[in-house]
Amino acid sequence: MCIFMMSKLKSTSGASILLAILLLLLCSVGGSIVLTSATASSGRLVDLRSREKDYYSVTSSARVIKDELKDESYKRYRDVLEVEPVGLMKEFLKKASDYVYDYNISRGDTGFEDRPVYTNEWEIKSSDSAVNDVKAKFYMYNDYSIEILLSSGSYSCKLEVPAVKTTYPESIMISPELIDTRETVEVIWSEGVVTK
């Protein structure tokens, strides 16, 4: 029996079929590994493209708003608005500033509060399919500083625009005999800062 087993082990007949099956098995395992990694990689590329679209939509919106708000000004005393914003956001900025002005007058302008006095939300839409819609949350504090949270999909950023507020008395001539003094509030928004 031992001689029979030894001759079978040394025999090369049928070995080629065994080697063919082994080679086929190795090729199929290698092919499935390549196919699996290619599928996973293509999924990541689609996700990466979507995240890039979100990123560019949000950051370009932040830049446009930042440029629109830079050097805008607002000047008011009691019920008279002397200087109003002039850019694309003028109506929105005027409404928010009037609200904060009235809020400060009603409270006696007791200093900076860390909660927003005026809030609003809007959506920035684009006709270009390469740009996603961006949601914006607008906050104005009682010192007229602005914070805008922008988001689209998985990306968001914050735009902070500081305000320089000056309050000063002005003398005005009501008639040649009567001069009145009024307190004027002037606000100028400076360069905003975008953070993640």
N, C-alpha and C. Protein backbone atom coordinates (compact mmCIF):
# COMPACT_ATOMS: atom_id res chain seq x y z
N MET A 1 0.81 -1.17 0.00
CA MET A 1 0.00 0.00 0.00
C MET A 1 0.86 1.25 0.00
N CYS A 2 1.91 1.21 0.72
CA CYS A 2 2.80 2.35 0.82
C CYS A 2 3.44 2.66 -0.53
N ILE A 3 3.78 1.64 -1.27
CA ILE A 3 4.38 1.84 -2.59
C ILE A 3 3.36 2.44 -3.54
N PHE A 4 2.12 2.00 -3.43
CA PHE A 4 1.05 2.55 -4.28
C PHE A 4 0.85 4.04 -4.02
N MET A 5 0.88 4.49 -2.77
CA MET A 5 0.69 5.90 -2.40
C MET A 5 1.88 6.73 -2.86
N MET A 6 3.05 6.17 -2.76
CA MET A 6 4.23 6.91 -3.20
C MET A 6 4.21 7.11 -4.70
N SER A 7 3.76 6.13 -5.43
CA SER A 7 3.71 6.29 -6.88
C SER A 7 2.64 7.30 -7.27
N LYS A 8 1.54 7.37 -6.56
CA LYS A 8 0.50 8.35 -6.84
C LYS A 8 1.00 9.78 -6.54
N LEU A 9 1.76 9.95 -5.50
CA LEU A 9 2.27 11.27 -5.14
C LEU A 9 3.29 11.76 -6.16
N LYS A 10 4.08 10.88 -6.73
CA LYS A 10 5.08 11.26 -7.72
C LYS A 10 4.50 11.38 -9.11
N SER A 11 3.33 10.89 -9.32
CA SER A 11 2.71 10.92 -10.63
C SER A 11 2.30 12.35 -10.99
N THR A 12 2.50 12.75 -12.22
CA THR A 12 2.12 14.10 -12.69
C THR A 12 0.84 14.08 -13.50
N SER A 13 0.25 12.97 -13.69
CA SER A 13 -1.00 12.93 -14.44
C SER A 13 -2.12 13.49 -13.56
N GLY A 14 -2.91 14.42 -14.10
CA GLY A 14 -4.00 15.08 -13.37
C GLY A 14 -3.56 16.30 -12.60
N ALA A 15 -2.27 16.56 -12.54
CA ALA A 15 -1.77 17.73 -11.81
C ALA A 15 -2.11 19.01 -12.54
N SER A 16 -2.17 18.98 -13.85
CA SER A 16 -2.47 20.20 -14.60
C SER A 16 -3.89 20.68 -14.32
N ILE A 17 -4.83 19.79 -14.13
CA ILE A 17 -6.21 20.20 -13.81
C ILE A 17 -6.25 20.84 -12.43
N LEU A 18 -5.48 20.29 -11.52
CA LEU A 18 -5.42 20.85 -10.17
C LEU A 18 -4.80 22.25 -10.19
N LEU A 19 -3.73 22.40 -10.97
CA LEU A 19 -3.12 23.73 -11.09
C LEU A 19 -4.06 24.72 -11.78
N ALA A 20 -4.82 24.28 -12.75
CA ALA A 20 -5.78 25.14 -13.45
C ALA A 20 -6.87 25.61 -12.50
N ILE A 21 -7.35 24.71 -11.68
CA ILE A 21 -8.39 25.08 -10.70
C ILE A 21 -7.83 26.06 -9.68
N LEU A 22 -6.61 25.84 -9.23
CA LEU A 22 -5.98 26.75 -8.28
C LEU A 22 -5.77 28.14 -8.89
N LEU A 23 -5.32 28.18 -10.15
CA LEU A 23 -5.13 29.46 -10.85
C LEU A 23 -6.45 30.19 -11.05
N LEU A 24 -7.50 29.47 -11.40
CA LEU A 24 -8.83 30.06 -11.57
C LEU A 24 -9.33 30.64 -10.25
N LEU A 25 -9.11 29.95 -9.17
CA LEU A 25 -9.51 30.42 -7.84
C LEU A 25 -8.77 31.71 -7.47
N LEU A 26 -7.47 31.75 -7.71
CA LEU A 26 -6.69 32.95 -7.42
C LEU A 26 -7.14 34.13 -8.27
N CYS A 27 -7.41 33.90 -9.54
CA CYS A 27 -7.87 34.98 -10.42
C CYS A 27 -9.24 35.52 -10.00
N SER A 28 -10.14 34.63 -9.61
CA SER A 28 -11.47 35.09 -9.20
C SER A 28 -11.42 35.88 -7.89
N VAL A 29 -10.59 35.47 -6.96
CA VAL A 29 -10.42 36.21 -5.70
C VAL A 29 -9.82 37.58 -5.99
N GLY A 30 -8.78 37.62 -6.83
CA GLY A 30 -8.15 38.91 -7.19
C GLY A 30 -9.13 39.82 -7.91
N GLY A 31 -9.92 39.28 -8.81
CA GLY A 31 -10.90 40.07 -9.55
C GLY A 31 -11.98 40.65 -8.64
N SER A 32 -12.44 39.85 -7.68
CA SER A 32 -13.47 40.36 -6.77
C SER A 32 -12.91 41.45 -5.86
N ILE A 33 -11.65 41.36 -5.49
CA ILE A 33 -11.03 42.41 -4.66
C ILE A 33 -10.93 43.70 -5.46
N VAL A 34 -10.51 43.61 -6.72
CA VAL A 34 -10.41 44.81 -7.57
C VAL A 34 -11.78 45.42 -7.79
N LEU A 35 -12.80 44.60 -8.06
CA LEU A 35 -14.16 45.10 -8.30
C LEU A 35 -14.73 45.77 -7.05
N THR A 36 -14.50 45.20 -5.89
CA THR A 36 -14.99 45.78 -4.63
C THR A 36 -14.33 47.13 -4.36
N SER A 37 -13.05 47.21 -4.55
CA SER A 37 -12.37 48.49 -4.28
C SER A 37 -12.77 49.55 -5.31
N ALA A 38 -13.00 49.17 -6.55
CA ALA A 38 -13.43 50.14 -7.56
C ALA A 38 -14.83 50.68 -7.24
N THR A 39 -15.71 49.81 -6.79
CA THR A 39 -17.06 50.24 -6.42
C THR A 39 -17.02 51.20 -5.24
N ALA A 40 -16.24 50.88 -4.23
CA ALA A 40 -16.13 51.76 -3.05
C ALA A 40 -15.51 53.09 -3.44
N SER A 41 -14.52 53.06 -4.30
CA SER A 41 -13.85 54.29 -4.73
C SER A 41 -14.79 55.18 -5.52
N SER A 42 -15.59 54.61 -6.39
CA SER A 42 -16.52 55.43 -7.18
C SER A 42 -17.57 56.07 -6.28
N GLY A 43 -18.01 55.36 -5.25
CA GLY A 43 -18.96 55.93 -4.29
C GLY A 43 -18.36 57.12 -3.55
N ARG A 44 -17.08 57.00 -3.18
CA ARG A 44 -16.41 58.12 -2.50
C ARG A 44 -16.26 59.31 -3.43
N LEU A 45 -16.02 59.07 -4.71
CA LEU A 45 -15.88 60.18 -5.66
C LEU A 45 -17.19 60.94 -5.82
N VAL A 46 -18.31 60.23 -5.86
CA VAL A 46 -19.61 60.89 -5.96
C VAL A 46 -19.85 61.73 -4.72
N ASP A 47 -19.55 61.17 -3.54
CA ASP A 47 -19.72 61.89 -2.29
C ASP A 47 -18.79 63.10 -2.22
N LEU A 48 -17.56 62.92 -2.69
CA LEU A 48 -16.59 64.02 -2.70
C LEU A 48 -17.07 65.15 -3.61
N ARG A 49 -17.59 64.83 -4.76
CA ARG A 49 -18.10 65.84 -5.68
C ARG A 49 -19.26 66.61 -5.05
N SER A 50 -20.14 65.91 -4.36
CA SER A 50 -21.28 66.56 -3.69
C SER A 50 -20.79 67.49 -2.57
N ARG A 51 -19.80 67.04 -1.79
CA ARG A 51 -19.26 67.88 -0.71
C ARG A 51 -18.54 69.11 -1.27
N GLU A 52 -17.83 68.93 -2.38
CA GLU A 52 -17.17 70.08 -3.01
C GLU A 52 -18.20 71.10 -3.50
N LYS A 53 -19.29 70.62 -4.06
CA LYS A 53 -20.35 71.51 -4.53
C LYS A 53 -20.95 72.30 -3.37
N ASP A 54 -21.18 71.61 -2.24
CA ASP A 54 -21.68 72.29 -1.03
C ASP A 54 -20.68 73.35 -0.57
N TYR A 55 -19.41 72.97 -0.51
CA TYR A 55 -18.36 73.89 -0.05
C TYR A 55 -18.30 75.15 -0.92
N TYR A 56 -18.24 74.98 -2.23
CA TYR A 56 -18.12 76.15 -3.11
C TYR A 56 -19.39 76.99 -3.11
N SER A 57 -20.55 76.38 -2.98
CA SER A 57 -21.80 77.14 -2.91
C SER A 57 -21.84 78.03 -1.67
N VAL A 58 -21.47 77.45 -0.52
CA VAL A 58 -21.51 78.18 0.74
C VAL A 58 -20.44 79.27 0.78
N THR A 59 -19.21 78.94 0.41
CA THR A 59 -18.14 79.94 0.50
C THR A 59 -18.32 81.08 -0.50
N SER A 60 -18.83 80.80 -1.68
CA SER A 60 -19.05 81.89 -2.63
C SER A 60 -20.20 82.78 -2.16
N SER A 61 -21.23 82.20 -1.56
CA SER A 61 -22.32 83.01 -0.99
C SER A 61 -21.81 83.89 0.14
N ALA A 62 -20.95 83.33 0.98
CA ALA A 62 -20.37 84.10 2.09
C ALA A 62 -19.55 85.27 1.57
N ARG A 63 -18.77 85.04 0.52
CA ARG A 63 -17.96 86.13 -0.06
C ARG A 63 -18.82 87.24 -0.63
N VAL A 64 -19.89 86.87 -1.33
CA VAL A 64 -20.79 87.88 -1.92
C VAL A 64 -21.44 88.72 -0.82
N ILE A 65 -21.95 88.06 0.21
CA ILE A 65 -22.60 88.79 1.31
C ILE A 65 -21.59 89.66 2.04
N LYS A 66 -20.41 89.12 2.28
CA LYS A 66 -19.34 89.88 2.95
C LYS A 66 -19.01 91.15 2.17
N ASP A 67 -18.88 91.03 0.85
CA ASP A 67 -18.58 92.20 0.02
C ASP A 67 -19.73 93.20 0.01
N GLU A 68 -20.97 92.70 0.05
CA GLU A 68 -22.13 93.58 0.06
C GLU A 68 -22.24 94.38 1.36
N LEU A 69 -21.87 93.77 2.48
CA LEU A 69 -22.02 94.43 3.77
C LEU A 69 -20.86 95.36 4.12
N LYS A 70 -19.71 95.14 3.49
CA LYS A 70 -18.52 95.94 3.81
C LYS A 70 -18.77 97.41 3.50
N ASP A 71 -18.47 98.26 4.47
CA ASP A 71 -18.57 99.72 4.37
C ASP A 71 -20.00 100.24 4.21
N GLU A 72 -21.00 99.39 4.46
CA GLU A 72 -22.38 99.90 4.49
C GLU A 72 -22.52 100.77 5.74
N SER A 73 -23.42 101.74 5.68
CA SER A 73 -23.60 102.62 6.84
C SER A 73 -25.07 102.88 7.09
N TYR A 74 -25.34 103.28 8.31
CA TYR A 74 -26.70 103.54 8.78
C TYR A 74 -26.58 104.67 9.79
N LYS A 75 -27.41 105.70 9.64
CA LYS A 75 -27.36 106.84 10.55
C LYS A 75 -28.80 107.25 10.86
N ARG A 76 -29.10 107.36 12.16
CA ARG A 76 -30.48 107.65 12.55
C ARG A 76 -30.53 108.39 13.87
N TYR A 77 -31.53 109.26 13.98
CA TYR A 77 -31.87 109.86 15.27
C TYR A 77 -33.39 109.81 15.38
N ARG A 78 -33.85 109.48 16.53
CA ARG A 78 -35.27 109.29 16.83
C ARG A 78 -36.03 108.69 15.64
N ASP A 79 -36.95 109.43 15.04
CA ASP A 79 -37.78 108.88 13.96
C ASP A 79 -37.28 109.25 12.57
N VAL A 80 -36.10 109.80 12.48
CA VAL A 80 -35.59 110.24 11.18
C VAL A 80 -34.37 109.39 10.80
N LEU A 81 -34.44 108.79 9.63
CA LEU A 81 -33.32 108.02 9.10
C LEU A 81 -32.56 108.93 8.15
N GLU A 82 -31.30 109.22 8.49
CA GLU A 82 -30.51 110.14 7.67
C GLU A 82 -29.73 109.42 6.58
N VAL A 83 -29.08 108.34 6.92
CA VAL A 83 -28.28 107.59 5.94
C VAL A 83 -28.74 106.14 6.00
N GLU A 84 -29.11 105.60 4.85
CA GLU A 84 -29.53 104.21 4.83
C GLU A 84 -28.57 103.40 3.96
N PRO A 85 -28.53 102.08 4.16
CA PRO A 85 -27.68 101.23 3.33
C PRO A 85 -28.06 101.35 1.86
N VAL A 86 -27.08 101.09 0.97
CA VAL A 86 -27.33 101.30 -0.46
C VAL A 86 -27.14 100.04 -1.31
N GLY A 87 -26.54 98.99 -0.81
CA GLY A 87 -26.23 97.81 -1.62
C GLY A 87 -27.44 96.94 -1.89
N LEU A 88 -27.19 95.73 -2.38
CA LEU A 88 -28.25 94.78 -2.72
C LEU A 88 -29.05 94.36 -1.49
N MET A 89 -28.43 94.42 -0.33
CA MET A 89 -29.11 94.01 0.90
C MET A 89 -29.67 95.20 1.67
N LYS A 90 -29.84 96.33 1.02
CA LYS A 90 -30.18 97.56 1.74
C LYS A 90 -31.51 97.46 2.50
N GLU A 91 -32.56 96.92 1.88
CA GLU A 91 -33.85 96.85 2.57
C GLU A 91 -33.77 95.94 3.79
N PHE A 92 -33.10 94.83 3.62
CA PHE A 92 -32.96 93.88 4.72
C PHE A 92 -32.13 94.48 5.85
N LEU A 93 -31.01 95.13 5.51
CA LEU A 93 -30.13 95.73 6.50
C LEU A 93 -30.81 96.90 7.21
N LYS A 94 -31.57 97.68 6.48
CA LYS A 94 -32.30 98.81 7.07
C LYS A 94 -33.36 98.31 8.06
N LYS A 95 -34.09 97.27 7.67
CA LYS A 95 -35.12 96.72 8.55
C LYS A 95 -34.51 96.19 9.85
N ALA A 96 -33.41 95.45 9.74
CA ALA A 96 -32.75 94.91 10.93
C ALA A 96 -32.20 96.03 11.81
N SER A 97 -31.57 97.04 11.19
CA SER A 97 -30.99 98.16 11.95
C SER A 97 -32.07 98.98 12.64
N ASP A 98 -33.18 99.22 11.95
CA ASP A 98 -34.29 99.95 12.58
C ASP A 98 -34.82 99.18 13.79
N TYR A 99 -34.93 97.88 13.66
CA TYR A 99 -35.42 97.05 14.75
C TYR A 99 -34.48 97.14 15.95
N VAL A 100 -33.17 97.03 15.70
CA VAL A 100 -32.18 97.10 16.78
C VAL A 100 -32.18 98.51 17.40
N TYR A 101 -32.28 99.55 16.57
CA TYR A 101 -32.32 100.92 17.08
C TYR A 101 -33.51 101.10 18.03
N ASP A 102 -34.69 100.67 17.59
CA ASP A 102 -35.89 100.79 18.44
C ASP A 102 -35.76 99.96 19.71
N TYR A 103 -35.16 98.79 19.60
CA TYR A 103 -34.93 97.93 20.76
C TYR A 103 -34.02 98.64 21.76
N ASN A 104 -32.93 99.23 21.28
CA ASN A 104 -31.99 99.92 22.16
C ASN A 104 -32.62 101.15 22.81
N ILE A 105 -33.42 101.90 22.06
CA ILE A 105 -34.10 103.07 22.63
C ILE A 105 -35.07 102.64 23.73
N SER A 106 -35.82 101.56 23.49
CA SER A 106 -36.81 101.12 24.47
C SER A 106 -36.15 100.60 25.76
N ARG A 107 -34.93 100.07 25.65
CA ARG A 107 -34.23 99.51 26.80
C ARG A 107 -33.23 100.48 27.42
N GLY A 108 -32.94 101.54 26.75
CA GLY A 108 -31.95 102.48 27.27
C GLY A 108 -30.54 102.10 26.88
N ASP A 109 -30.37 101.23 25.89
CA ASP A 109 -29.06 100.83 25.36
C ASP A 109 -28.08 100.49 26.49
N THR A 110 -28.37 99.39 27.19
CA THR A 110 -27.61 99.02 28.39
C THR A 110 -26.29 98.30 28.11
N GLY A 111 -25.85 98.22 26.90
CA GLY A 111 -24.59 97.56 26.58
C GLY A 111 -24.80 96.33 25.72
N PHE A 112 -23.70 95.65 25.43
CA PHE A 112 -23.76 94.49 24.51
C PHE A 112 -24.41 93.30 25.17
N GLU A 113 -25.30 92.67 24.40
CA GLU A 113 -25.92 91.42 24.83
C GLU A 113 -25.36 90.30 23.96
N ASP A 114 -25.19 89.13 24.56
CA ASP A 114 -24.64 88.03 23.77
C ASP A 114 -25.71 87.22 23.05
N ARG A 115 -26.93 87.70 23.05
CA ARG A 115 -27.97 87.04 22.26
C ARG A 115 -28.43 88.01 21.17
N PRO A 116 -28.81 87.47 20.02
CA PRO A 116 -29.23 88.35 18.94
C PRO A 116 -30.55 89.04 19.25
N VAL A 117 -30.65 90.29 18.81
CA VAL A 117 -31.87 91.07 18.99
C VAL A 117 -32.79 90.85 17.79
N TYR A 118 -32.20 90.79 16.61
CA TYR A 118 -32.99 90.61 15.39
C TYR A 118 -32.51 89.34 14.68
N THR A 119 -33.45 88.47 14.29
CA THR A 119 -33.10 87.26 13.55
C THR A 119 -34.00 87.12 12.34
N ASN A 120 -33.46 86.49 11.32
CA ASN A 120 -34.23 86.22 10.11
C ASN A 120 -33.54 85.09 9.35
N GLU A 121 -34.27 84.46 8.47
CA GLU A 121 -33.71 83.39 7.65
C GLU A 121 -34.12 83.61 6.20
N TRP A 122 -33.26 83.20 5.30
CA TRP A 122 -33.61 83.22 3.89
C TRP A 122 -32.83 82.14 3.16
N GLU A 123 -33.18 81.92 1.89
CA GLU A 123 -32.49 80.93 1.08
C GLU A 123 -31.94 81.60 -0.16
N ILE A 124 -30.68 81.32 -0.44
CA ILE A 124 -30.02 81.88 -1.61
C ILE A 124 -30.11 80.83 -2.71
N LYS A 125 -30.84 81.17 -3.78
CA LYS A 125 -31.05 80.23 -4.87
C LYS A 125 -30.26 80.68 -6.09
N SER A 126 -29.83 79.71 -6.88
CA SER A 126 -29.08 79.99 -8.09
C SER A 126 -29.73 79.27 -9.26
N SER A 127 -29.73 79.92 -10.40
CA SER A 127 -30.27 79.28 -11.60
C SER A 127 -29.25 78.31 -12.21
N ASP A 128 -28.01 78.39 -11.76
CA ASP A 128 -26.94 77.52 -12.24
C ASP A 128 -27.02 76.18 -11.51
N SER A 129 -27.11 75.08 -12.26
CA SER A 129 -27.22 73.76 -11.63
C SER A 129 -25.93 73.33 -10.95
N ALA A 130 -24.83 74.00 -11.25
CA ALA A 130 -23.55 73.67 -10.62
C ALA A 130 -23.44 74.25 -9.21
N VAL A 131 -24.39 75.10 -8.84
CA VAL A 131 -24.37 75.74 -7.53
C VAL A 131 -25.60 75.30 -6.74
N ASN A 132 -25.37 74.79 -5.54
CA ASN A 132 -26.47 74.38 -4.66
C ASN A 132 -27.14 75.59 -4.02
N ASP A 133 -28.39 75.41 -3.59
CA ASP A 133 -29.07 76.43 -2.81
C ASP A 133 -28.42 76.49 -1.42
N VAL A 134 -28.36 77.71 -0.86
CA VAL A 134 -27.71 77.92 0.42
C VAL A 134 -28.72 78.52 1.39
N LYS A 135 -28.78 77.97 2.60
CA LYS A 135 -29.66 78.50 3.65
C LYS A 135 -28.84 79.47 4.49
N ALA A 136 -29.45 80.61 4.81
CA ALA A 136 -28.76 81.62 5.61
C ALA A 136 -29.61 81.98 6.82
N LYS A 137 -28.96 82.02 7.98
CA LYS A 137 -29.61 82.48 9.21
C LYS A 137 -28.90 83.76 9.62
N PHE A 138 -29.64 84.85 9.69
CA PHE A 138 -29.10 86.18 9.94
C PHE A 138 -29.40 86.59 11.38
N TYR A 139 -28.36 87.08 12.07
CA TYR A 139 -28.52 87.57 13.45
C TYR A 139 -27.86 88.94 13.55
N MET A 140 -28.57 89.89 14.18
CA MET A 140 -27.98 91.19 14.48
C MET A 140 -28.11 91.42 15.98
N TYR A 141 -26.99 91.79 16.60
CA TYR A 141 -26.96 92.03 18.04
C TYR A 141 -27.24 93.50 18.33
N ASN A 142 -27.41 93.83 19.61
CA ASN A 142 -27.78 95.22 19.93
C ASN A 142 -26.63 96.21 19.72
N ASP A 143 -25.42 95.73 19.44
CA ASP A 143 -24.34 96.64 19.07
C ASP A 143 -24.21 96.73 17.53
N TYR A 144 -25.22 96.17 16.83
CA TYR A 144 -25.34 96.18 15.36
C TYR A 144 -24.37 95.21 14.67
N SER A 145 -23.59 94.45 15.42
CA SER A 145 -22.74 93.45 14.77
C SER A 145 -23.63 92.35 14.19
N ILE A 146 -23.14 91.75 13.11
CA ILE A 146 -23.93 90.78 12.35
C ILE A 146 -23.23 89.43 12.36
N GLU A 147 -24.04 88.39 12.45
CA GLU A 147 -23.56 87.02 12.33
C GLU A 147 -24.51 86.31 11.37
N ILE A 148 -23.95 85.66 10.35
CA ILE A 148 -24.76 84.93 9.38
C ILE A 148 -24.22 83.51 9.29
N LEU A 149 -25.09 82.54 9.55
CA LEU A 149 -24.74 81.14 9.42
C LEU A 149 -25.23 80.65 8.06
N LEU A 150 -24.31 80.17 7.23
CA LEU A 150 -24.64 79.70 5.89
C LEU A 150 -24.43 78.20 5.82
N SER A 151 -25.36 77.47 5.18
CA SER A 151 -25.21 76.03 5.08
C SER A 151 -25.83 75.50 3.79
N SER A 152 -25.22 74.43 3.31
CA SER A 152 -25.73 73.71 2.15
C SER A 152 -25.26 72.27 2.28
N GLY A 153 -26.19 71.34 2.32
CA GLY A 153 -25.81 69.93 2.45
C GLY A 153 -24.99 69.68 3.69
N SER A 154 -23.78 69.18 3.51
CA SER A 154 -22.94 68.81 4.65
C SER A 154 -21.96 69.90 5.06
N TYR A 155 -21.97 71.06 4.38
CA TYR A 155 -20.99 72.10 4.69
C TYR A 155 -21.69 73.34 5.24
N SER A 156 -21.07 73.97 6.23
CA SER A 156 -21.60 75.22 6.77
C SER A 156 -20.43 76.12 7.18
N CYS A 157 -20.71 77.41 7.22
CA CYS A 157 -19.71 78.37 7.69
C CYS A 157 -20.42 79.54 8.34
N LYS A 158 -19.63 80.37 9.01
CA LYS A 158 -20.18 81.53 9.72
C LYS A 158 -19.49 82.79 9.22
N LEU A 159 -20.30 83.81 8.93
CA LEU A 159 -19.79 85.12 8.54
C LEU A 159 -20.08 86.08 9.68
N GLU A 160 -19.02 86.68 10.22
CA GLU A 160 -19.17 87.66 11.30
C GLU A 160 -18.74 89.02 10.77
N VAL A 161 -19.64 89.99 10.90
CA VAL A 161 -19.36 91.34 10.41
C VAL A 161 -19.45 92.30 11.59
N PRO A 162 -18.31 92.82 12.03
CA PRO A 162 -18.34 93.75 13.16
C PRO A 162 -18.90 95.11 12.73
N ALA A 163 -19.46 95.79 13.69
CA ALA A 163 -20.02 97.12 13.43
C ALA A 163 -19.31 98.14 14.32
N VAL A 164 -19.06 99.30 13.74
CA VAL A 164 -18.52 100.41 14.51
C VAL A 164 -19.69 101.36 14.74
N LYS A 165 -20.10 101.46 16.00
CA LYS A 165 -21.25 102.28 16.37
C LYS A 165 -20.76 103.53 17.08
N THR A 166 -21.24 104.66 16.61
CA THR A 166 -20.90 105.93 17.22
C THR A 166 -22.19 106.65 17.60
N THR A 167 -22.24 107.12 18.83
CA THR A 167 -23.39 107.91 19.28
C THR A 167 -22.86 109.29 19.67
N TYR A 168 -23.47 110.32 19.12
CA TYR A 168 -22.99 111.68 19.41
C TYR A 168 -24.15 112.67 19.35
N PRO A 169 -24.03 113.76 20.13
CA PRO A 169 -25.07 114.79 20.10
C PRO A 169 -24.83 115.73 18.91
N GLU A 170 -25.91 116.18 18.32
CA GLU A 170 -25.83 117.15 17.22
C GLU A 170 -26.76 118.30 17.53
N SER A 171 -26.30 119.49 17.21
CA SER A 171 -27.16 120.66 17.37
C SER A 171 -27.78 120.97 16.02
N ILE A 172 -29.08 121.19 16.02
CA ILE A 172 -29.78 121.54 14.78
C ILE A 172 -30.58 122.81 15.00
N MET A 173 -30.63 123.60 13.96
CA MET A 173 -31.38 124.85 14.06
C MET A 173 -32.81 124.60 13.58
N ILE A 174 -33.75 124.78 14.51
CA ILE A 174 -35.15 124.61 14.17
C ILE A 174 -35.68 125.91 13.57
N SER A 175 -35.28 127.00 14.16
CA SER A 175 -35.59 128.34 13.64
C SER A 175 -34.42 129.24 14.02
N PRO A 176 -34.36 130.46 13.53
CA PRO A 176 -33.22 131.31 13.88
C PRO A 176 -33.05 131.51 15.38
N GLU A 177 -34.13 131.41 16.12
CA GLU A 177 -34.05 131.62 17.57
C GLU A 177 -33.95 130.31 18.36
N LEU A 178 -34.24 129.19 17.73
CA LEU A 178 -34.34 127.93 18.48
C LEU A 178 -33.36 126.89 17.92
N ILE A 179 -32.45 126.45 18.79
CA ILE A 179 -31.50 125.40 18.43
C ILE A 179 -31.77 124.21 19.34
N ASP A 180 -31.90 123.05 18.74
CA ASP A 180 -32.20 121.83 19.49
C ASP A 180 -31.00 120.88 19.40
N THR A 181 -30.89 120.01 20.38
CA THR A 181 -29.83 119.01 20.38
C THR A 181 -30.48 117.64 20.28
N ARG A 182 -29.92 116.82 19.43
CA ARG A 182 -30.44 115.46 19.27
C ARG A 182 -29.27 114.48 19.35
N GLU A 183 -29.58 113.27 19.74
CA GLU A 183 -28.56 112.24 19.80
C GLU A 183 -28.65 111.39 18.53
N THR A 184 -27.56 111.29 17.81
CA THR A 184 -27.52 110.55 16.55
C THR A 184 -26.70 109.28 16.71
N VAL A 185 -27.19 108.20 16.14
CA VAL A 185 -26.48 106.93 16.12
C VAL A 185 -26.01 106.67 14.70
N GLU A 186 -24.71 106.43 14.54
CA GLU A 186 -24.16 106.12 13.23
C GLU A 186 -23.45 104.77 13.32
N VAL A 187 -23.74 103.90 12.35
CA VAL A 187 -23.18 102.56 12.33
C VAL A 187 -22.50 102.35 10.97
N ILE A 188 -21.28 101.82 11.02
CA ILE A 188 -20.57 101.44 9.79
C ILE A 188 -20.09 100.00 9.98
N TRP A 189 -20.44 99.14 9.01
CA TRP A 189 -20.02 97.74 9.08
C TRP A 189 -18.69 97.59 8.37
N SER A 190 -17.75 96.94 9.02
CA SER A 190 -16.41 96.78 8.45
C SER A 190 -16.27 95.40 7.78
N GLU A 191 -15.06 95.05 7.45
CA GLU A 191 -14.77 93.79 6.75
C GLU A 191 -15.20 92.60 7.60
N GLY A 192 -15.99 91.72 7.02
CA GLY A 192 -16.43 90.52 7.70
C GLY A 192 -15.37 89.43 7.68
N VAL A 193 -15.55 88.44 8.55
CA VAL A 193 -14.63 87.32 8.66
C VAL A 193 -15.45 86.03 8.50
N VAL A 194 -14.98 85.15 7.60
CA VAL A 194 -15.65 83.87 7.38
C VAL A 194 -14.87 82.78 8.11
N THR A 195 -15.58 82.01 8.95
CA THR A 195 -14.97 80.89 9.67
C THR A 195 -15.81 79.64 9.45
N LYS A 196 -15.20 78.50 9.65
CA LYS A 196 -15.91 77.23 9.45
C LYS A 196 -16.73 76.91 10.67
